[in-house]
Amino acid sequence: MDFSQFSGFLAFLAIFVSGFWLLLFLLTFVVPYWIFGTIMENLKYKREAKKLAKNK
């Protein structure tokens, strides 16, 4: 294995590892935060609509 092959392998490894950590971050923090925020926002809108319908 000469230097060009080794440097290509290191570049591949760096891209693969950074992609792995990005995917792990997205699946453990970003996606649950997004889903929880959407649910809470929908519940807030439903409560407001119910309150408006009750007042009319």
PDB file of N, CA and C in Angstrom:
ATOM      1  N   MET A   1       0.858  -1.175   0.000  1.00  0.00           N
ATOM      2  CA  MET A   1       0.000   0.000   0.000  1.00  0.00           C
ATOM      3  C   MET A   1       0.903   1.237   0.000  1.00  0.00           C
ATOM      4  N   ASP A   2       0.800   2.022  -1.049  1.00  0.00           N
ATOM      5  CA  ASP A   2       1.628   3.230  -1.107  1.00  0.00           C
ATOM      6  C   ASP A   2       0.882   4.412  -0.485  1.00  0.00           C
ATOM      7  N   PHE A   3       1.496   5.570  -0.520  1.00  0.00           N
ATOM      8  CA  PHE A   3       0.945   6.735   0.189  1.00  0.00           C
ATOM      9  C   PHE A   3      -0.382   7.189  -0.396  1.00  0.00           C
ATOM     10  N   SER A   4      -0.561   7.133  -1.708  1.00  0.00           N
ATOM     11  CA  SER A   4      -1.824   7.600  -2.304  1.00  0.00           C
ATOM     12  C   SER A   4      -2.991   6.699  -1.889  1.00  0.00           C
ATOM     13  N   GLN A   5      -2.757   5.402  -1.827  1.00  0.00           N
ATOM     14  CA  GLN A   5      -3.809   4.504  -1.368  1.00  0.00           C
ATOM     15  C   GLN A   5      -4.122   4.731   0.109  1.00  0.00           C
ATOM     16  N   PHE A   6      -3.070   4.936   0.886  1.00  0.00           N
ATOM     17  CA  PHE A   6      -3.263   5.159   2.318  1.00  0.00           C
ATOM     18  C   PHE A   6      -4.005   6.469   2.578  1.00  0.00           C
ATOM     19  N   SER A   7      -3.655   7.519   1.836  1.00  0.00           N
ATOM     20  CA  SER A   7      -4.345   8.793   2.033  1.00  0.00           C
ATOM     21  C   SER A   7      -5.807   8.694   1.572  1.00  0.00           C
ATOM     22  N   GLY A   8      -6.071   7.943   0.514  1.00  0.00           N
ATOM     23  CA  GLY A   8      -7.451   7.726   0.082  1.00  0.00           C
ATOM     24  C   GLY A   8      -8.243   6.958   1.118  1.00  0.00           C
ATOM     25  N   PHE A   9      -7.609   5.957   1.710  1.00  0.00           N
ATOM     26  CA  PHE A   9      -8.267   5.195   2.770  1.00  0.00           C
ATOM     27  C   PHE A   9      -8.563   6.084   3.968  1.00  0.00           C
ATOM     28  N   LEU A  10      -7.633   6.948   4.339  1.00  0.00           N
ATOM     29  CA  LEU A  10      -7.853   7.855   5.456  1.00  0.00           C
ATOM     30  C   LEU A  10      -8.978   8.852   5.147  1.00  0.00           C
ATOM     31  N   ALA A  11      -9.041   9.334   3.914  1.00  0.00           N
ATOM     32  CA  ALA A  11     -10.121  10.246   3.530  1.00  0.00           C
ATOM     33  C   ALA A  11     -11.470   9.530   3.607  1.00  0.00           C
ATOM     34  N   PHE A  12     -11.530   8.306   3.096  1.00  0.00           N
ATOM     35  CA  PHE A  12     -12.763   7.526   3.180  1.00  0.00           C
ATOM     36  C   PHE A  12     -13.164   7.299   4.630  1.00  0.00           C
ATOM     37  N   LEU A  13     -12.201   6.947   5.462  1.00  0.00           N
ATOM     38  CA  LEU A  13     -12.475   6.695   6.871  1.00  0.00           C
ATOM     39  C   LEU A  13     -12.979   7.948   7.569  1.00  0.00           C
ATOM     40  N   ALA A  14     -12.392   9.093   7.271  1.00  0.00           N
ATOM     41  CA  ALA A  14     -12.823  10.348   7.887  1.00  0.00           C
ATOM     42  C   ALA A  14     -14.253  10.686   7.470  1.00  0.00           C
ATOM     43  N   ILE A  15     -14.583  10.528   6.188  1.00  0.00           N
ATOM     44  CA  ILE A  15     -15.938  10.821   5.709  1.00  0.00           C
ATOM     45  C   ILE A  15     -16.942   9.843   6.322  1.00  0.00           C
ATOM     46  N   PHE A  16     -16.579   8.586   6.385  1.00  0.00           N
ATOM     47  CA  PHE A  16     -17.473   7.576   6.943  1.00  0.00           C
ATOM     48  C   PHE A  16     -17.739   7.828   8.426  1.00  0.00           C
ATOM     49  N   VAL A  17     -16.706   8.119   9.177  1.00  0.00           N
ATOM     50  CA  VAL A  17     -16.859   8.334  10.618  1.00  0.00           C
ATOM     51  C   VAL A  17     -17.649   9.612  10.892  1.00  0.00           C
ATOM     52  N   SER A  18     -17.377  10.678  10.142  1.00  0.00           N
ATOM     53  CA  SER A  18     -18.138  11.908  10.358  1.00  0.00           C
ATOM     54  C   SER A  18     -19.606  11.706   9.977  1.00  0.00           C
ATOM     55  N   GLY A  19     -19.873  10.950   8.942  1.00  0.00           N
ATOM     56  CA  GLY A  19     -21.254  10.641   8.574  1.00  0.00           C
ATOM     57  C   GLY A  19     -21.949   9.803   9.629  1.00  0.00           C
ATOM     58  N   PHE A  20     -21.224   8.881  10.203  1.00  0.00           N
ATOM     59  CA  PHE A  20     -21.787   8.051  11.269  1.00  0.00           C
ATOM     60  C   PHE A  20     -22.182   8.897  12.468  1.00  0.00           C
ATOM     61  N   TRP A  21     -21.296   9.797  12.903  1.00  0.00           N
ATOM     62  CA  TRP A  21     -21.604  10.626  14.068  1.00  0.00           C
ATOM     63  C   TRP A  21     -22.721  11.621  13.768  1.00  0.00           C
ATOM     64  N   LEU A  22     -22.771  12.128  12.546  1.00  0.00           N
ATOM     65  CA  LEU A  22     -23.862  13.021  12.167  1.00  0.00           C
ATOM     66  C   LEU A  22     -25.190  12.279  12.195  1.00  0.00           C
ATOM     67  N   LEU A  23     -25.232  11.085  11.669  1.00  0.00           N
ATOM     68  CA  LEU A  23     -26.452  10.281  11.692  1.00  0.00           C
ATOM     69  C   LEU A  23     -26.868   9.959  13.118  1.00  0.00           C
ATOM     70  N   LEU A  24     -25.926   9.623  13.953  1.00  0.00           N
ATOM     71  CA  LEU A  24     -26.225   9.332  15.353  1.00  0.00           C
ATOM     72  C   LEU A  24     -26.782  10.569  16.052  1.00  0.00           C
ATOM     73  N   PHE A  25     -26.196  11.725  15.809  1.00  0.00           N
ATOM     74  CA  PHE A  25     -26.690  12.966  16.392  1.00  0.00           C
ATOM     75  C   PHE A  25     -28.103  13.271  15.918  1.00  0.00           C
ATOM     76  N   LEU A  26     -28.348  13.108  14.621  1.00  0.00           N
ATOM     77  CA  LEU A  26     -29.680  13.391  14.086  1.00  0.00           C
ATOM     78  C   LEU A  26     -30.729  12.465  14.678  1.00  0.00           C
ATOM     79  N   LEU A  27     -30.401  11.188  14.801  1.00  0.00           N
ATOM     80  CA  LEU A  27     -31.388  10.227  15.286  1.00  0.00           C
ATOM     81  C   LEU A  27     -31.640  10.328  16.778  1.00  0.00           C
ATOM     82  N   THR A  28     -30.677  10.832  17.553  1.00  0.00           N
ATOM     83  CA  THR A  28     -30.869  10.865  18.995  1.00  0.00           C
ATOM     84  C   THR A  28     -31.323  12.228  19.511  1.00  0.00           C
ATOM     85  N   PHE A  29     -31.049  13.313  18.796  1.00  0.00           N
ATOM     86  CA  PHE A  29     -31.418  14.631  19.293  1.00  0.00           C
ATOM     87  C   PHE A  29     -32.372  15.378  18.372  1.00  0.00           C
ATOM     88  N   VAL A  30     -32.045  15.495  17.120  1.00  0.00           N
ATOM     89  CA  VAL A  30     -32.795  16.371  16.224  1.00  0.00           C
ATOM     90  C   VAL A  30     -34.176  15.805  15.905  1.00  0.00           C
ATOM     91  N   VAL A  31     -34.255  14.564  15.535  1.00  0.00           N
ATOM     92  CA  VAL A  31     -35.542  13.975  15.153  1.00  0.00           C
ATOM     93  C   VAL A  31     -36.516  13.903  16.338  1.00  0.00           C
ATOM     94  N   PRO A  32     -36.095  13.437  17.525  1.00  0.00           N
ATOM     95  CA  PRO A  32     -37.045  13.468  18.650  1.00  0.00           C
ATOM     96  C   PRO A  32     -37.482  14.886  19.033  1.00  0.00           C
ATOM     97  N   TYR A  33     -36.573  15.857  18.969  1.00  0.00           N
ATOM     98  CA  TYR A  33     -36.924  17.242  19.270  1.00  0.00           C
ATOM     99  C   TYR A  33     -37.957  17.756  18.275  1.00  0.00           C
ATOM    100  N   TRP A  34     -37.777  17.422  17.013  1.00  0.00           N
ATOM    101  CA  TRP A  34     -38.689  17.844  15.956  1.00  0.00           C
ATOM    102  C   TRP A  34     -40.072  17.216  16.163  1.00  0.00           C
ATOM    103  N   ILE A  35     -40.108  15.915  16.447  1.00  0.00           N
ATOM    104  CA  ILE A  35     -41.383  15.224  16.640  1.00  0.00           C
ATOM    105  C   ILE A  35     -42.094  15.753  17.888  1.00  0.00           C
ATOM    106  N   PHE A  36     -41.370  15.911  18.998  1.00  0.00           N
ATOM    107  CA  PHE A  36     -41.971  16.406  20.233  1.00  0.00           C
ATOM    108  C   PHE A  36     -42.509  17.826  20.037  1.00  0.00           C
ATOM    109  N   GLY A  37     -41.762  18.681  19.342  1.00  0.00           N
ATOM    110  CA  GLY A  37     -42.222  20.042  19.089  1.00  0.00           C
ATOM    111  C   GLY A  37     -43.469  20.075  18.230  1.00  0.00           C
ATOM    112  N   THR A  38     -43.532  19.217  17.241  1.00  0.00           N
ATOM    113  CA  THR A  38     -44.719  19.152  16.378  1.00  0.00           C
ATOM    114  C   THR A  38     -45.946  18.709  17.167  1.00  0.00           C
ATOM    115  N   ILE A  39     -45.777  17.711  18.013  1.00  0.00           N
ATOM    116  CA  ILE A  39     -46.903  17.227  18.818  1.00  0.00           C
ATOM    117  C   ILE A  39     -47.382  18.312  19.772  1.00  0.00           C
ATOM    118  N   MET A  40     -46.449  18.988  20.440  1.00  0.00           N
ATOM    119  CA  MET A  40     -46.839  20.034  21.390  1.00  0.00           C
ATOM    120  C   MET A  40     -47.532  21.197  20.680  1.00  0.00           C
ATOM    121  N   GLU A  41     -47.050  21.563  19.497  1.00  0.00           N
ATOM    122  CA  GLU A  41     -47.676  22.651  18.743  1.00  0.00           C
ATOM    123  C   GLU A  41     -49.090  22.272  18.304  1.00  0.00           C
ATOM    124  N   ASN A  42     -49.275  21.055  17.851  1.00  0.00           N
ATOM    125  CA  ASN A  42     -50.611  20.603  17.443  1.00  0.00           C
ATOM    126  C   ASN A  42     -51.568  20.574  18.631  1.00  0.00           C
ATOM    127  N   LEU A  43     -51.079  20.141  19.803  1.00  0.00           N
ATOM    128  CA  LEU A  43     -51.930  20.142  20.981  1.00  0.00           C
ATOM    129  C   LEU A  43     -52.323  21.560  21.376  1.00  0.00           C
ATOM    130  N   LYS A  44     -51.390  22.498  21.252  1.00  0.00           N
ATOM    131  CA  LYS A  44     -51.688  23.884  21.588  1.00  0.00           C
ATOM    132  C   LYS A  44     -52.759  24.439  20.658  1.00  0.00           C
ATOM    133  N   TYR A  45     -52.634  24.164  19.361  1.00  0.00           N
ATOM    134  CA  TYR A  45     -53.632  24.653  18.409  1.00  0.00           C
ATOM    135  C   TYR A  45     -54.999  24.017  18.652  1.00  0.00           C
ATOM    136  N   LYS A  46     -55.018  22.738  19.004  1.00  0.00           N
ATOM    137  CA  LYS A  46     -56.302  22.086  19.276  1.00  0.00           C
ATOM    138  C   LYS A  46     -56.957  22.666  20.517  1.00  0.00           C
ATOM    139  N   ARG A  47     -56.161  22.962  21.557  1.00  0.00           N
ATOM    140  CA  ARG A  47     -56.713  23.579  22.756  1.00  0.00           C
ATOM    141  C   ARG A  47     -57.277  24.965  22.458  1.00  0.00           C
ATOM    142  N   GLU A  48     -56.551  25.745  21.648  1.00  0.00           N
ATOM    143  CA  GLU A  48     -57.037  27.073  21.286  1.00  0.00           C
ATOM    144  C   GLU A  48     -58.323  26.993  20.468  1.00  0.00           C
ATOM    145  N   ALA A  49     -58.400  26.052  19.535  1.00  0.00           N
ATOM    146  CA  ALA A  49     -59.605  25.892  18.718  1.00  0.00           C
ATOM    147  C   ALA A  49     -60.786  25.460  19.587  1.00  0.00           C
ATOM    148  N   LYS A  50     -60.525  24.568  20.539  1.00  0.00           N
ATOM    149  CA  LYS A  50     -61.595  24.131  21.425  1.00  0.00           C
ATOM    150  C   LYS A  50     -62.077  25.291  22.304  1.00  0.00           C
ATOM    151  N   LYS A  51     -61.149  26.124  22.761  1.00  0.00           N
ATOM    152  CA  LYS A  51     -61.507  27.254  23.591  1.00  0.00           C
ATOM    153  C   LYS A  51     -62.311  28.283  22.796  1.00  0.00           C
ATOM    154  N   LEU A  52     -61.951  28.520  21.534  1.00  0.00           N
ATOM    155  CA  LEU A  52     -62.698  29.442  20.692  1.00  0.00           C
ATOM    156  C   LEU A  52     -64.094  28.904  20.376  1.00  0.00           C
ATOM    157  N   ALA A  53     -64.184  27.607  20.126  1.00  0.00           N
ATOM    158  CA  ALA A  53     -65.486  27.020  19.826  1.00  0.00           C
ATOM    159  C   ALA A  53     -66.384  27.055  21.050  1.00  0.00           C
ATOM    160  N   LYS A  54     -65.816  26.938  22.229  1.00  0.00           N
ATOM    161  CA  LYS A  54     -66.604  26.970  23.455  1.00  0.00           C
ATOM    162  C   LYS A  54     -67.126  28.383  23.750  1.00  0.00           C
ATOM    163  N   ASN A  55     -66.328  29.399  23.406  1.00  0.00           N
ATOM    164  CA  ASN A  55     -66.716  30.782  23.665  1.00  0.00           C
ATOM    165  C   ASN A  55     -67.777  31.290  22.686  1.00  0.00           C
ATOM    166  N   LYS A  56     -67.903  30.684  21.520  1.00  0.00           N
ATOM    167  CA  LYS A  56     -68.890  31.158  20.527  1.00  0.00           C
ATOM    168  C   LYS A  56     -70.238  30.574  20.723  1.00  0.00           C
TER     169      LYS A  56
END
